[in-house]
């Protein structure tokens, strides 16, 4: 029944968009209009076809307006500046089932007052997580929020936090497998209480408070996939230049091609 509903919704949306009903139908390179896409939206909206359709249409409009598919080539310098501190990135490791792992570290916040740049960087990392999940044959990812060093001086403004929650829930439905909040201090409890009303019940059930002690996160994820500071055994160290190297190279090629076109 769920697959039949997803198939009907897919046919309706493809017709609206004027796209052929083919397996490779997509809005952009990272947003395929396949059955899993429609199934995620339906599940997120309690299998209400009308609500799921509204969600998907809103996401398509948002991706186009935000320029999601052009983030790296059009805004690489902003992304590189935001990502230099390692405040958010996708690890080169997976959980026990092969899902990618995204790390968030509030202590490394380097542009607290720049809401737009923070959101742009977040979406860039979410798109990398989507790509990593797809490459691994999965739809979901794991998030680790490392609160070591957290303070009000590096905490995101409330409007940025709410925007983050909205983007995750409204435009990346059923992508989160589990969110591990590691070593969250008492200071964060007030923040969590304030943002909880904006987190839907399904997402809230995926949030797990844990610690970096040997009987904490390391009992929930493979030790070899975790840095030693999180209770794991990996000696991995984040290097922004290495992490962004492929996109930097692609952007350089794009700029050179654009300059050549101007000369012609």
C-alpha atoms as a PDB file:
ATOM      1  CA  UNK A   1       0.000   0.000   0.000  1.00  0.00           C
ATOM      2  CA  UNK A   2       2.811   2.427   0.931  1.00  0.00           C
ATOM      3  CA  UNK A   3       4.690   1.678  -2.307  1.00  0.00           C
ATOM      4  CA  UNK A   4       1.505   2.180  -4.346  1.00  0.00           C
ATOM      5  CA  UNK A   5       0.930   5.569  -2.715  1.00  0.00           C
ATOM      6  CA  UNK A   6       4.549   6.561  -3.365  1.00  0.00           C
ATOM      7  CA  UNK A   7       4.208   5.521  -7.003  1.00  0.00           C
ATOM      8  CA  UNK A   8       1.040   7.606  -7.455  1.00  0.00           C
ATOM      9  CA  UNK A   9       2.600  10.647  -5.801  1.00  0.00           C
ATOM     10  CA  UNK A  10       5.716  10.291  -7.915  1.00  0.00           C
ATOM     11  CA  UNK A  11       3.686  10.173 -11.126  1.00  0.00           C
ATOM     12  CA  UNK A  12       1.773  13.304 -10.093  1.00  0.00           C
ATOM     13  CA  UNK A  13       4.905  15.304  -9.217  1.00  0.00           C
ATOM     14  CA  UNK A  14       6.783  14.244 -12.358  1.00  0.00           C
ATOM     15  CA  UNK A  15       3.787  15.329 -14.430  1.00  0.00           C
ATOM     16  CA  UNK A  16       3.682  18.716 -12.688  1.00  0.00           C
ATOM     17  CA  UNK A  17       7.384  19.225 -13.349  1.00  0.00           C
ATOM     18  CA  UNK A  18       7.125  18.081 -16.945  1.00  0.00           C
ATOM     19  CA  UNK A  19       9.665  15.332 -16.382  1.00  0.00           C
ATOM     20  CA  UNK A  20       9.639  11.931 -18.042  1.00  0.00           C
ATOM     21  CA  UNK A  21       8.904   8.933 -15.833  1.00  0.00           C
ATOM     22  CA  UNK A  22      12.389   7.435 -15.963  1.00  0.00           C
ATOM     23  CA  UNK A  23      14.588   5.874 -13.245  1.00  0.00           C
ATOM     24  CA  UNK A  24      17.047   8.775 -13.453  1.00  0.00           C
ATOM     25  CA  UNK A  25      14.468  11.576 -13.056  1.00  0.00           C
ATOM     26  CA  UNK A  26      15.943  14.210 -10.752  1.00  0.00           C
ATOM     27  CA  UNK A  27      15.833  17.846  -9.687  1.00  0.00           C
ATOM     28  CA  UNK A  28      19.620  18.003  -9.537  1.00  0.00           C
ATOM     29  CA  UNK A  29      22.548  15.633  -9.248  1.00  0.00           C
ATOM     30  CA  UNK A  30      21.987  14.941  -5.575  1.00  0.00           C
ATOM     31  CA  UNK A  31      18.174  14.884  -5.475  1.00  0.00           C
ATOM     32  CA  UNK A  32      16.711  11.965  -7.374  1.00  0.00           C
ATOM     33  CA  UNK A  33      12.960  11.712  -7.772  1.00  0.00           C
ATOM     34  CA  UNK A  34      12.967   7.970  -7.188  1.00  0.00           C
ATOM     35  CA  UNK A  35      10.562   5.909  -5.095  1.00  0.00           C
ATOM     36  CA  UNK A  36      12.738   6.092  -1.940  1.00  0.00           C
ATOM     37  CA  UNK A  37      12.513   9.905  -2.115  1.00  0.00           C
ATOM     38  CA  UNK A  38       8.713   9.815  -2.138  1.00  0.00           C
ATOM     39  CA  UNK A  39       8.629   7.084   0.491  1.00  0.00           C
ATOM     40  CA  UNK A  40      10.713   9.235   2.847  1.00  0.00           C
ATOM     41  CA  UNK A  41       8.354  12.178   2.439  1.00  0.00           C
ATOM     42  CA  UNK A  42       5.297   9.985   2.959  1.00  0.00           C
ATOM     43  CA  UNK A  43       6.744   8.417   6.094  1.00  0.00           C
ATOM     44  CA  UNK A  44       7.684  11.845   7.461  1.00  0.00           C
ATOM     45  CA  UNK A  45       4.101  13.003   6.974  1.00  0.00           C
ATOM     46  CA  UNK A  46       2.371   9.924   8.371  1.00  0.00           C
ATOM     47  CA  UNK A  47       1.560   8.611   4.870  1.00  0.00           C
ATOM     48  CA  UNK A  48      -0.696  11.571   4.182  1.00  0.00           C
ATOM     49  CA  UNK A  49      -0.309  11.901   0.422  1.00  0.00           C
ATOM     50  CA  UNK A  50      -1.396  15.540   0.307  1.00  0.00           C
ATOM     51  CA  UNK A  51       0.965  16.570   3.115  1.00  0.00           C
ATOM     52  CA  UNK A  52       3.847  14.588   1.584  1.00  0.00           C
ATOM     53  CA  UNK A  53       3.244  16.231  -1.792  1.00  0.00           C
ATOM     54  CA  UNK A  54       3.264  19.660  -0.179  1.00  0.00           C
ATOM     55  CA  UNK A  55       6.524  18.825   1.597  1.00  0.00           C
ATOM     56  CA  UNK A  56       8.201  17.658  -1.590  1.00  0.00           C
ATOM     57  CA  UNK A  57       7.052  20.654  -3.614  1.00  0.00           C
ATOM     58  CA  UNK A  58       8.378  22.969  -0.892  1.00  0.00           C
ATOM     59  CA  UNK A  59      11.722  21.154  -0.889  1.00  0.00           C
ATOM     60  CA  UNK A  60      12.061  21.384  -4.664  1.00  0.00           C
ATOM     61  CA  UNK A  61      11.332  25.125  -4.509  1.00  0.00           C
ATOM     62  CA  UNK A  62      13.788  25.546  -1.615  1.00  0.00           C
ATOM     63  CA  UNK A  63      16.596  23.678  -3.403  1.00  0.00           C
ATOM     64  CA  UNK A  64      16.177  25.850  -6.469  1.00  0.00           C
ATOM     65  CA  UNK A  65      15.935  29.116  -4.527  1.00  0.00           C
ATOM     66  CA  UNK A  66      18.840  28.229  -2.210  1.00  0.00           C
ATOM     67  CA  UNK A  67      20.936  27.047  -5.144  1.00  0.00           C
ATOM     68  CA  UNK A  68      21.808  23.756  -3.466  1.00  0.00           C
ATOM     69  CA  UNK A  69      23.303  22.159  -6.566  1.00  0.00           C
ATOM     70  CA  UNK A  70      25.584  25.184  -7.091  1.00  0.00           C
ATOM     71  CA  UNK A  71      26.760  25.739  -3.523  1.00  0.00           C
ATOM     72  CA  UNK A  72      30.346  24.589  -4.026  1.00  0.00           C
ATOM     73  CA  UNK A  73      31.058  26.256  -7.386  1.00  0.00           C
ATOM     74  CA  UNK A  74      29.249  29.504  -6.538  1.00  0.00           C
ATOM     75  CA  UNK A  75      30.228  29.896  -2.887  1.00  0.00           C
ATOM     76  CA  UNK A  76      33.362  27.850  -2.399  1.00  0.00           C
ATOM     77  CA  UNK A  77      35.335  30.538  -0.561  1.00  0.00           C
ATOM     78  CA  UNK A  78      32.541  30.966   1.989  1.00  0.00           C
ATOM     79  CA  UNK A  79      32.278  27.211   2.492  1.00  0.00           C
ATOM     80  CA  UNK A  80      36.050  26.903   2.839  1.00  0.00           C
ATOM     81  CA  UNK A  81      36.149  29.694   5.415  1.00  0.00           C
ATOM     82  CA  UNK A  82      33.275  28.171   7.397  1.00  0.00           C
ATOM     83  CA  UNK A  83      34.730  24.681   7.218  1.00  0.00           C
ATOM     84  CA  UNK A  84      38.298  25.604   8.114  1.00  0.00           C
ATOM     85  CA  UNK A  85      37.753  25.071  11.839  1.00  0.00           C
ATOM     86  CA  UNK A  86      36.234  21.602  11.543  1.00  0.00           C
ATOM     87  CA  UNK A  87      32.980  22.606  13.204  1.00  0.00           C
ATOM     88  CA  UNK A  88      31.023  20.249  10.956  1.00  0.00           C
ATOM     89  CA  UNK A  89      32.162  17.548   8.542  1.00  0.00           C
ATOM     90  CA  UNK A  90      31.462  14.001   7.357  1.00  0.00           C
ATOM     91  CA  UNK A  91      33.876  11.442   8.755  1.00  0.00           C
ATOM     92  CA  UNK A  92      35.604   8.996   6.391  1.00  0.00           C
ATOM     93  CA  UNK A  93      34.220   6.201   8.582  1.00  0.00           C
ATOM     94  CA  UNK A  94      30.845   4.479   8.922  1.00  0.00           C
ATOM     95  CA  UNK A  95      28.669   3.061  11.675  1.00  0.00           C
ATOM     96  CA  UNK A  96      28.303  -0.704  12.120  1.00  0.00           C
ATOM     97  CA  UNK A  97      25.721  -0.918   9.308  1.00  0.00           C
ATOM     98  CA  UNK A  98      27.685   1.261   6.902  1.00  0.00           C
ATOM     99  CA  UNK A  99      25.943   4.616   7.363  1.00  0.00           C
ATOM    100  CA  UNK A 100      28.089   7.766   7.110  1.00  0.00           C
ATOM    101  CA  UNK A 101      28.817   9.751  10.256  1.00  0.00           C
ATOM    102  CA  UNK A 102      28.648  13.532  10.502  1.00  0.00           C
ATOM    103  CA  UNK A 103      30.501  15.353  13.286  1.00  0.00           C
ATOM    104  CA  UNK A 104      29.361  18.696  14.721  1.00  0.00           C
ATOM    105  CA  UNK A 105      31.564  20.574  17.194  1.00  0.00           C
ATOM    106  CA  UNK A 106      30.120  23.817  18.598  1.00  0.00           C
ATOM    107  CA  UNK A 107      33.464  24.699  20.215  1.00  0.00           C
ATOM    108  CA  UNK A 108      34.907  25.217  16.729  1.00  0.00           C
ATOM    109  CA  UNK A 109      32.306  27.820  15.747  1.00  0.00           C
ATOM    110  CA  UNK A 110      34.138  30.483  13.752  1.00  0.00           C
ATOM    111  CA  UNK A 111      31.382  32.784  12.445  1.00  0.00           C
ATOM    112  CA  UNK A 112      28.656  32.875  15.074  1.00  0.00           C
ATOM    113  CA  UNK A 113      27.224  36.147  13.833  1.00  0.00           C
ATOM    114  CA  UNK A 114      26.974  35.121  10.175  1.00  0.00           C
ATOM    115  CA  UNK A 115      23.698  33.230   9.972  1.00  0.00           C
ATOM    116  CA  UNK A 116      23.635  32.891   6.176  1.00  0.00           C
ATOM    117  CA  UNK A 117      27.191  31.546   5.942  1.00  0.00           C
ATOM    118  CA  UNK A 118      26.508  29.044   8.731  1.00  0.00           C
ATOM    119  CA  UNK A 119      23.383  27.728   6.998  1.00  0.00           C
ATOM    120  CA  UNK A 120      25.158  27.577   3.641  1.00  0.00           C
ATOM    121  CA  UNK A 121      27.937  25.510   5.197  1.00  0.00           C
ATOM    122  CA  UNK A 122      25.425  23.245   6.956  1.00  0.00           C
ATOM    123  CA  UNK A 123      23.597  22.490   3.699  1.00  0.00           C
ATOM    124  CA  UNK A 124      26.910  21.797   1.947  1.00  0.00           C
ATOM    125  CA  UNK A 125      27.762  19.223   4.635  1.00  0.00           C
ATOM    126  CA  UNK A 126      24.284  17.678   4.482  1.00  0.00           C
ATOM    127  CA  UNK A 127      24.684  17.249   0.736  1.00  0.00           C
ATOM    128  CA  UNK A 128      28.016  15.539   1.310  1.00  0.00           C
ATOM    129  CA  UNK A 129      26.300  13.229   3.796  1.00  0.00           C
ATOM    130  CA  UNK A 130      23.623  12.413   1.194  1.00  0.00           C
ATOM    131  CA  UNK A 131      26.322  11.564  -1.347  1.00  0.00           C
ATOM    132  CA  UNK A 132      28.232   9.444   1.174  1.00  0.00           C
ATOM    133  CA  UNK A 133      25.065   7.574   2.157  1.00  0.00           C
ATOM    134  CA  UNK A 134      24.137   6.928  -1.464  1.00  0.00           C
ATOM    135  CA  UNK A 135      27.633   5.666  -2.265  1.00  0.00           C
ATOM    136  CA  UNK A 136      27.372   3.269   0.685  1.00  0.00           C
ATOM    137  CA  UNK A 137      23.939   2.011  -0.371  1.00  0.00           C
ATOM    138  CA  UNK A 138      22.106   3.789   2.458  1.00  0.00           C
ATOM    139  CA  UNK A 139      19.566   6.596   2.772  1.00  0.00           C
ATOM    140  CA  UNK A 140      20.367   7.699   6.329  1.00  0.00           C
ATOM    141  CA  UNK A 141      23.297   9.022   8.288  1.00  0.00           C
ATOM    142  CA  UNK A 142      24.404   9.352  11.902  1.00  0.00           C
ATOM    143  CA  UNK A 143      25.154  12.671  13.592  1.00  0.00           C
ATOM    144  CA  UNK A 144      27.557  13.074  16.499  1.00  0.00           C
ATOM    145  CA  UNK A 145      27.409  16.400  18.290  1.00  0.00           C
ATOM    146  CA  UNK A 146      30.542  16.723  20.407  1.00  0.00           C
ATOM    147  CA  UNK A 147      29.837  19.170  23.236  1.00  0.00           C
ATOM    148  CA  UNK A 148      33.306  19.183  24.751  1.00  0.00           C
ATOM    149  CA  UNK A 149      34.301  22.830  25.091  1.00  0.00           C
ATOM    150  CA  UNK A 150      30.726  24.038  24.633  1.00  0.00           C
ATOM    151  CA  UNK A 151      29.871  27.439  26.093  1.00  0.00           C
ATOM    152  CA  UNK A 152      27.448  30.278  25.461  1.00  0.00           C
ATOM    153  CA  UNK A 153      30.209  32.075  23.572  1.00  0.00           C
ATOM    154  CA  UNK A 154      30.242  29.411  20.863  1.00  0.00           C
ATOM    155  CA  UNK A 155      26.571  28.358  21.017  1.00  0.00           C
ATOM    156  CA  UNK A 156      24.609  29.085  17.842  1.00  0.00           C
ATOM    157  CA  UNK A 157      22.017  31.891  18.008  1.00  0.00           C
ATOM    158  CA  UNK A 158      18.483  30.579  18.473  1.00  0.00           C
ATOM    159  CA  UNK A 159      17.358  31.601  14.969  1.00  0.00           C
ATOM    160  CA  UNK A 160      20.263  29.655  13.437  1.00  0.00           C
ATOM    161  CA  UNK A 161      19.453  26.610  15.573  1.00  0.00           C
ATOM    162  CA  UNK A 162      15.789  26.769  14.578  1.00  0.00           C
ATOM    163  CA  UNK A 163      16.725  27.139  10.905  1.00  0.00           C
ATOM    164  CA  UNK A 164      18.982  24.091  11.208  1.00  0.00           C
ATOM    165  CA  UNK A 165      16.165  22.008  12.693  1.00  0.00           C
ATOM    166  CA  UNK A 166      13.729  23.214  10.033  1.00  0.00           C
ATOM    167  CA  UNK A 167      16.072  22.337   7.158  1.00  0.00           C
ATOM    168  CA  UNK A 168      16.791  18.881   8.552  1.00  0.00           C
ATOM    169  CA  UNK A 169      13.125  18.045   9.175  1.00  0.00           C
ATOM    170  CA  UNK A 170      11.509  19.732   6.198  1.00  0.00           C
ATOM    171  CA  UNK A 171      14.066  19.183   3.436  1.00  0.00           C
ATOM    172  CA  UNK A 172      15.966  16.058   4.510  1.00  0.00           C
ATOM    173  CA  UNK A 173      13.133  13.901   5.889  1.00  0.00           C
ATOM    174  CA  UNK A 174      13.956  10.418   7.136  1.00  0.00           C
ATOM    175  CA  UNK A 175      17.669  10.957   6.533  1.00  0.00           C
ATOM    176  CA  UNK A 176      18.671  10.922  10.198  1.00  0.00           C
ATOM    177  CA  UNK A 177      19.246   7.483  11.699  1.00  0.00           C
ATOM    178  CA  UNK A 178      20.469   8.613  15.103  1.00  0.00           C
ATOM    179  CA  UNK A 179      21.848  11.792  16.698  1.00  0.00           C
ATOM    180  CA  UNK A 180      24.312  11.254  19.532  1.00  0.00           C
ATOM    181  CA  UNK A 181      24.787  14.256  21.817  1.00  0.00           C
ATOM    182  CA  UNK A 182      28.106  13.629  23.536  1.00  0.00           C
ATOM    183  CA  UNK A 183      29.088  15.149  26.886  1.00  0.00           C
ATOM    184  CA  UNK A 184      26.340  17.764  26.761  1.00  0.00           C
ATOM    185  CA  UNK A 185      26.856  20.082  29.780  1.00  0.00           C
ATOM    186  CA  UNK A 186      24.111  21.296  32.088  1.00  0.00           C
ATOM    187  CA  UNK A 187      24.315  24.616  30.223  1.00  0.00           C
ATOM    188  CA  UNK A 188      22.869  22.937  27.134  1.00  0.00           C
ATOM    189  CA  UNK A 189      19.860  21.590  29.003  1.00  0.00           C
ATOM    190  CA  UNK A 190      18.193  25.003  28.923  1.00  0.00           C
ATOM    191  CA  UNK A 191      18.889  25.344  25.193  1.00  0.00           C
ATOM    192  CA  UNK A 192      17.503  21.873  24.513  1.00  0.00           C
ATOM    193  CA  UNK A 193      14.376  22.633  26.494  1.00  0.00           C
ATOM    194  CA  UNK A 194      13.865  25.776  24.418  1.00  0.00           C
ATOM    195  CA  UNK A 195      14.297  24.065  21.050  1.00  0.00           C
ATOM    196  CA  UNK A 196      12.467  20.809  21.881  1.00  0.00           C
ATOM    197  CA  UNK A 197       9.039  22.160  20.842  1.00  0.00           C
ATOM    198  CA  UNK A 198      10.427  22.661  17.330  1.00  0.00           C
ATOM    199  CA  UNK A 199      11.657  19.067  17.048  1.00  0.00           C
ATOM    200  CA  UNK A 200       9.019  16.597  15.906  1.00  0.00           C
ATOM    201  CA  UNK A 201       8.429  13.489  18.015  1.00  0.00           C
ATOM    202  CA  UNK A 202       9.954  11.097  15.466  1.00  0.00           C
ATOM    203  CA  UNK A 203      13.204  13.082  15.319  1.00  0.00           C
ATOM    204  CA  UNK A 204      13.259  13.536  19.090  1.00  0.00           C
ATOM    205  CA  UNK A 205      13.102   9.745  19.536  1.00  0.00           C
ATOM    206  CA  UNK A 206      16.327   9.463  17.505  1.00  0.00           C
ATOM    207  CA  UNK A 207      18.286  11.738  19.853  1.00  0.00           C
ATOM    208  CA  UNK A 208      20.521   9.968  22.346  1.00  0.00           C
ATOM    209  CA  UNK A 209      22.471  11.703  25.119  1.00  0.00           C
ATOM    210  CA  UNK A 210      25.704   9.859  25.832  1.00  0.00           C
ATOM    211  CA  UNK A 211      29.328  10.429  26.864  1.00  0.00           C
ATOM    212  CA  UNK A 212      32.853   9.980  25.545  1.00  0.00           C
ATOM    213  CA  UNK A 213      33.669   7.526  28.346  1.00  0.00           C
ATOM    214  CA  UNK A 214      34.477   3.869  27.452  1.00  0.00           C
ATOM    215  CA  UNK A 215      30.911   2.830  28.266  1.00  0.00           C
ATOM    216  CA  UNK A 216      29.368   5.702  26.296  1.00  0.00           C
ATOM    217  CA  UNK A 217      29.516   6.412  22.567  1.00  0.00           C
ATOM    218  CA  UNK A 218      32.087   3.670  21.981  1.00  0.00           C
ATOM    219  CA  UNK A 219      29.424   1.137  23.021  1.00  0.00           C
ATOM    220  CA  UNK A 220      27.042   2.504  20.385  1.00  0.00           C
ATOM    221  CA  UNK A 221      29.361   2.925  17.394  1.00  0.00           C
ATOM    222  CA  UNK A 222      32.458   0.993  16.226  1.00  0.00           C
ATOM    223  CA  UNK A 223      35.505   2.107  18.218  1.00  0.00           C
ATOM    224  CA  UNK A 224      37.588   2.229  15.033  1.00  0.00           C
ATOM    225  CA  UNK A 225      35.144   4.776  13.572  1.00  0.00           C
ATOM    226  CA  UNK A 226      35.560   7.161  16.504  1.00  0.00           C
ATOM    227  CA  UNK A 227      38.359   9.537  17.359  1.00  0.00           C
ATOM    228  CA  UNK A 228      40.146   8.884  20.625  1.00  0.00           C
ATOM    229  CA  UNK A 229      38.625  12.036  22.129  1.00  0.00           C
ATOM    230  CA  UNK A 230      35.217  10.393  21.684  1.00  0.00           C
ATOM    231  CA  UNK A 231      36.266   7.142  23.313  1.00  0.00           C
ATOM    232  CA  UNK A 232      37.319   5.411  20.105  1.00  0.00           C
ATOM    233  CA  UNK A 233      40.594   4.095  18.760  1.00  0.00           C
ATOM    234  CA  UNK A 234      40.971   6.114  15.544  1.00  0.00           C
ATOM    235  CA  UNK A 235      43.885   8.525  15.225  1.00  0.00           C
ATOM    236  CA  UNK A 236      42.003  10.472  12.528  1.00  0.00           C
ATOM    237  CA  UNK A 237      42.562  14.208  12.457  1.00  0.00           C
ATOM    238  CA  UNK A 238      40.479  16.616  10.373  1.00  0.00           C
ATOM    239  CA  UNK A 239      42.339  18.686   7.776  1.00  0.00           C
ATOM    240  CA  UNK A 240      40.169  21.181   5.936  1.00  0.00           C
ATOM    241  CA  UNK A 241      42.398  21.478   2.869  1.00  0.00           C
ATOM    242  CA  UNK A 242      42.357  17.724   2.319  1.00  0.00           C
ATOM    243  CA  UNK A 243      38.617  17.495   3.008  1.00  0.00           C
ATOM    244  CA  UNK A 244      37.787  20.225   0.481  1.00  0.00           C
ATOM    245  CA  UNK A 245      40.451  19.349  -2.107  1.00  0.00           C
ATOM    246  CA  UNK A 246      38.135  17.738  -4.676  1.00  0.00           C
ATOM    247  CA  UNK A 247      35.609  20.566  -4.614  1.00  0.00           C
ATOM    248  CA  UNK A 248      38.396  23.153  -4.747  1.00  0.00           C
ATOM    249  CA  UNK A 249      39.813  21.469  -7.859  1.00  0.00           C
ATOM    250  CA  UNK A 250      36.382  21.301  -9.517  1.00  0.00           C
ATOM    251  CA  UNK A 251      35.748  24.966  -8.760  1.00  0.00           C
ATOM    252  CA  UNK A 252      39.107  25.954 -10.242  1.00  0.00           C
ATOM    253  CA  UNK A 253      38.307  24.079 -13.446  1.00  0.00           C
ATOM    254  CA  UNK A 254      34.863  25.714 -13.619  1.00  0.00           C
ATOM    255  CA  UNK A 255      36.377  29.178 -13.239  1.00  0.00           C
ATOM    256  CA  UNK A 256      38.962  28.500 -15.931  1.00  0.00           C
ATOM    257  CA  UNK A 257      36.256  27.255 -18.303  1.00  0.00           C
ATOM    258  CA  UNK A 258      34.121  30.320 -17.588  1.00  0.00           C
ATOM    259  CA  UNK A 259      37.076  32.626 -18.309  1.00  0.00           C
ATOM    260  CA  UNK A 260      37.746  30.822 -21.580  1.00  0.00           C
ATOM    261  CA  UNK A 261      34.105  31.319 -22.620  1.00  0.00           C
ATOM    262  CA  UNK A 262      34.373  35.036 -21.854  1.00  0.00           C
ATOM    263  CA  UNK A 263      37.493  35.293 -24.050  1.00  0.00           C
ATOM    264  CA  UNK A 264      35.674  33.574 -26.904  1.00  0.00           C
END
